[in-house]
Amino acid sequence: MKCVIMVGVIAAAVLLVGCGKKNSSPESSATLSSLPVLQPALKAWLSGDNSTAIADFLAVDWSARPLFEAGSPLSLSDDQMHLLRARSEADYRAESYAMSTQLAHLKQLAALVRDAGYDAVSKGDAAQAQKYFTSLKQFGAALDRPNHTFPVQLAGRAYEEYADTGMAKIRK
């Protein structure tokens, strides 16, 4: 169990930190747009700051790219995973494991947003609930694209279903 937790922490650190370079040049603002759009929400959630994670998640422009760090297994396509497997079974297994760990983090973050939507519904705040579920639906759609691996696409479809279920509760 300790190994699973340690791998999860390491995978999250790699996903969030990237190369760790700081830009102090005027080009910094240009490179900020190349930061993964999900990074602030995921970073807040990993640090235990759920309210900031939810606020950051709602603030994401889900049409912006990249969603993930370039080196993240979540950013790979099925073709890239197949090429990796052809080169090295061990590397493929390592990437697959890292992907499943990162997908688990995304699932927990999405569940946090979904639950916030359900909470808003129970309080009668349909407008706020709609914001949560709309963002969750857009997140799912951003993942359910052919440039992602099939497991990432399936996760996206699940988040879209979370959102559809939540939206149905608003209408009741």
Protein backbone atom coordinates (compact mmCIF):
# COMPACT_ATOMS: atom_id res chain seq x y z
CA MET A 1 0.00 0.00 0.00
CA LYS A 2 2.87 2.38 0.80
CA CYS A 3 4.27 1.73 -2.68
CA VAL A 4 0.96 2.68 -4.33
CA ILE A 5 0.73 5.90 -2.32
CA MET A 6 4.36 6.77 -3.06
CA VAL A 7 3.93 6.14 -6.79
CA GLY A 8 0.78 8.28 -6.76
CA VAL A 9 2.58 11.13 -5.05
CA ILE A 10 5.52 10.90 -7.45
CA ALA A 11 3.24 10.73 -10.49
CA ALA A 12 1.30 13.76 -9.26
CA ALA A 13 4.52 15.65 -8.62
CA VAL A 14 5.78 14.91 -12.13
CA LEU A 15 2.41 15.90 -13.57
CA LEU A 16 2.31 19.18 -11.68
CA VAL A 17 5.91 20.27 -11.50
CA GLY A 18 7.15 19.50 -15.00
CA CYS A 19 10.72 20.57 -15.48
CA GLY A 20 10.58 23.12 -12.64
CA LYS A 21 12.10 25.95 -14.66
CA LYS A 22 11.15 29.48 -13.79
CA ASN A 23 10.75 32.04 -16.52
CA SER A 24 11.83 35.52 -15.58
CA SER A 25 11.97 36.84 -19.14
CA PRO A 26 9.30 38.89 -20.86
CA GLU A 27 8.38 35.70 -22.68
CA SER A 28 6.93 34.39 -19.40
CA SER A 29 3.41 35.50 -20.23
CA ALA A 30 3.58 33.67 -23.56
CA THR A 31 4.66 30.45 -21.91
CA LEU A 32 1.95 30.72 -19.27
CA SER A 33 -0.59 29.90 -21.96
CA SER A 34 1.22 26.62 -22.55
CA LEU A 35 0.71 25.54 -18.93
CA PRO A 36 -1.76 22.69 -18.58
CA VAL A 37 -5.21 24.15 -17.95
CA LEU A 38 -6.08 21.53 -15.35
CA GLN A 39 -2.93 22.12 -13.31
CA PRO A 40 -4.23 24.76 -10.81
CA ALA A 41 -7.33 22.73 -9.87
CA LEU A 42 -5.41 19.48 -9.57
CA LYS A 43 -2.64 21.11 -7.56
CA ALA A 44 -5.16 22.64 -5.13
CA TRP A 45 -6.97 19.32 -4.76
CA LEU A 46 -3.72 17.40 -4.15
CA SER A 47 -2.81 19.89 -1.42
CA GLY A 48 -6.21 19.33 0.25
CA ASP A 49 -7.70 22.73 -0.62
CA ASN A 50 -11.04 21.52 -1.96
CA SER A 51 -12.76 24.89 -2.21
CA THR A 52 -9.90 26.32 -4.30
CA ALA A 53 -9.79 23.13 -6.38
CA ILE A 54 -13.49 23.52 -7.19
CA ALA A 55 -13.15 27.24 -7.96
CA ASP A 56 -10.13 26.58 -10.20
CA PHE A 57 -11.96 23.72 -11.93
CA LEU A 58 -14.92 26.02 -12.68
CA ALA A 59 -12.54 28.68 -14.05
CA VAL A 60 -10.95 26.36 -16.64
CA ASP A 61 -11.53 27.06 -20.31
CA TRP A 62 -11.96 23.43 -21.40
CA SER A 63 -11.36 24.31 -25.04
CA ALA A 64 -7.82 25.52 -24.20
CA ARG A 65 -4.85 23.22 -24.55
CA PRO A 66 -2.83 21.55 -23.24
CA LEU A 67 -4.92 19.83 -20.61
CA PHE A 68 -1.91 17.94 -19.20
CA GLU A 69 1.87 18.19 -19.08
CA ALA A 70 3.52 17.07 -22.31
CA GLY A 71 5.26 14.17 -20.54
CA SER A 72 2.14 12.97 -18.76
CA PRO A 73 0.74 9.58 -19.78
CA LEU A 74 -2.65 11.34 -19.93
CA SER A 75 -1.39 13.38 -22.87
CA LEU A 76 -0.56 10.29 -24.95
CA SER A 77 -2.66 8.89 -27.78
CA ASP A 78 -3.41 5.21 -28.33
CA ASP A 79 -0.88 5.19 -31.19
CA GLN A 80 1.82 6.58 -28.90
CA MET A 81 1.03 3.94 -26.28
CA HIS A 82 1.22 1.19 -28.92
CA LEU A 83 4.60 2.50 -30.08
CA LEU A 84 5.80 2.56 -26.50
CA ARG A 85 4.70 -1.03 -26.03
CA ALA A 86 6.51 -2.07 -29.22
CA ARG A 87 9.73 -0.46 -27.93
CA SER A 88 9.62 -1.68 -24.36
CA GLU A 89 7.07 -3.69 -22.43
CA ALA A 90 8.50 -2.41 -19.14
CA ASP A 91 8.14 1.24 -20.20
CA TYR A 92 4.63 0.54 -21.40
CA ARG A 93 3.70 -1.00 -18.04
CA ALA A 94 5.22 1.94 -16.17
CA GLU A 95 3.29 4.47 -18.29
CA SER A 96 0.09 2.46 -17.93
CA TYR A 97 0.48 2.38 -14.16
CA ALA A 98 1.21 6.10 -14.03
CA MET A 99 -1.83 6.72 -16.23
CA SER A 100 -4.11 4.73 -13.96
CA THR A 101 -2.81 6.64 -10.93
CA GLN A 102 -3.39 9.98 -12.63
CA LEU A 103 -6.84 8.90 -13.83
CA ALA A 104 -7.70 8.04 -10.22
CA HIS A 105 -6.77 11.60 -9.24
CA LEU A 106 -8.94 13.01 -12.01
CA LYS A 107 -11.82 10.80 -10.91
CA GLN A 108 -11.56 12.07 -7.34
CA LEU A 109 -11.40 15.70 -8.49
CA ALA A 110 -14.42 15.17 -10.78
CA ALA A 111 -16.31 13.52 -7.91
CA LEU A 112 -15.55 16.53 -5.73
CA VAL A 113 -17.07 18.85 -8.34
CA ARG A 114 -20.03 16.51 -8.85
CA ASP A 115 -20.68 16.38 -5.11
CA ALA A 116 -20.52 20.18 -4.91
CA GLY A 117 -23.17 20.23 -7.63
CA TYR A 118 -25.35 17.80 -5.69
CA ASP A 119 -24.91 19.95 -2.59
CA ALA A 120 -26.03 23.02 -4.54
CA VAL A 121 -29.09 21.09 -5.80
CA SER A 122 -29.99 20.05 -2.24
CA LYS A 123 -29.76 23.70 -1.15
CA GLY A 124 -32.01 24.78 -4.02
CA ASP A 125 -29.26 26.72 -5.80
CA ALA A 126 -29.97 25.58 -9.35
CA ALA A 127 -27.77 28.26 -10.95
CA GLN A 128 -24.69 27.21 -8.98
CA ALA A 129 -25.41 23.53 -9.53
CA GLN A 130 -25.64 24.16 -13.26
CA LYS A 131 -22.19 25.79 -13.19
CA TYR A 132 -20.69 22.71 -11.55
CA PHE A 133 -22.37 20.25 -13.90
CA THR A 134 -21.68 22.32 -17.02
CA SER A 135 -17.97 22.51 -16.20
CA LEU A 136 -17.93 18.78 -15.46
CA LYS A 137 -19.62 18.08 -18.82
CA GLN A 138 -17.07 20.25 -20.66
CA PHE A 139 -14.23 18.48 -18.84
CA GLY A 140 -15.60 15.12 -19.91
CA ALA A 141 -15.93 16.29 -23.51
CA ALA A 142 -12.33 17.57 -23.46
CA LEU A 143 -11.13 14.09 -22.46
CA ASP A 144 -13.44 12.17 -24.80
CA ARG A 145 -11.43 13.00 -27.91
CA PRO A 146 -9.53 10.72 -30.29
CA ASN A 147 -6.18 12.32 -29.43
CA HIS A 148 -6.39 10.66 -25.99
CA THR A 149 -6.04 7.00 -25.10
CA PHE A 150 -9.17 4.92 -24.83
CA PRO A 151 -9.07 4.82 -20.99
CA VAL A 152 -8.90 8.63 -20.89
CA GLN A 153 -11.79 8.83 -23.34
CA LEU A 154 -13.82 6.44 -21.18
CA ALA A 155 -13.12 8.58 -18.14
CA GLY A 156 -14.34 11.60 -20.09
CA ARG A 157 -17.58 9.80 -20.93
CA ALA A 158 -18.07 8.94 -17.27
CA TYR A 159 -17.67 12.60 -16.27
CA GLU A 160 -20.18 13.59 -18.95
CA GLU A 161 -22.60 11.07 -17.42
CA TYR A 162 -21.95 12.52 -13.95
CA ALA A 163 -22.92 15.90 -15.37
CA ASP A 164 -26.02 14.61 -17.17
CA THR A 165 -27.21 12.89 -13.99
CA GLY A 166 -26.65 16.08 -12.02
CA MET A 167 -28.45 18.24 -14.58
CA ALA A 168 -31.42 15.87 -14.40
CA LYS A 169 -31.56 16.40 -10.63
CA ILE A 170 -31.77 20.18 -11.19
CA ARG A 171 -34.84 19.75 -13.38
CA LYS A 172 -36.72 17.66 -10.77
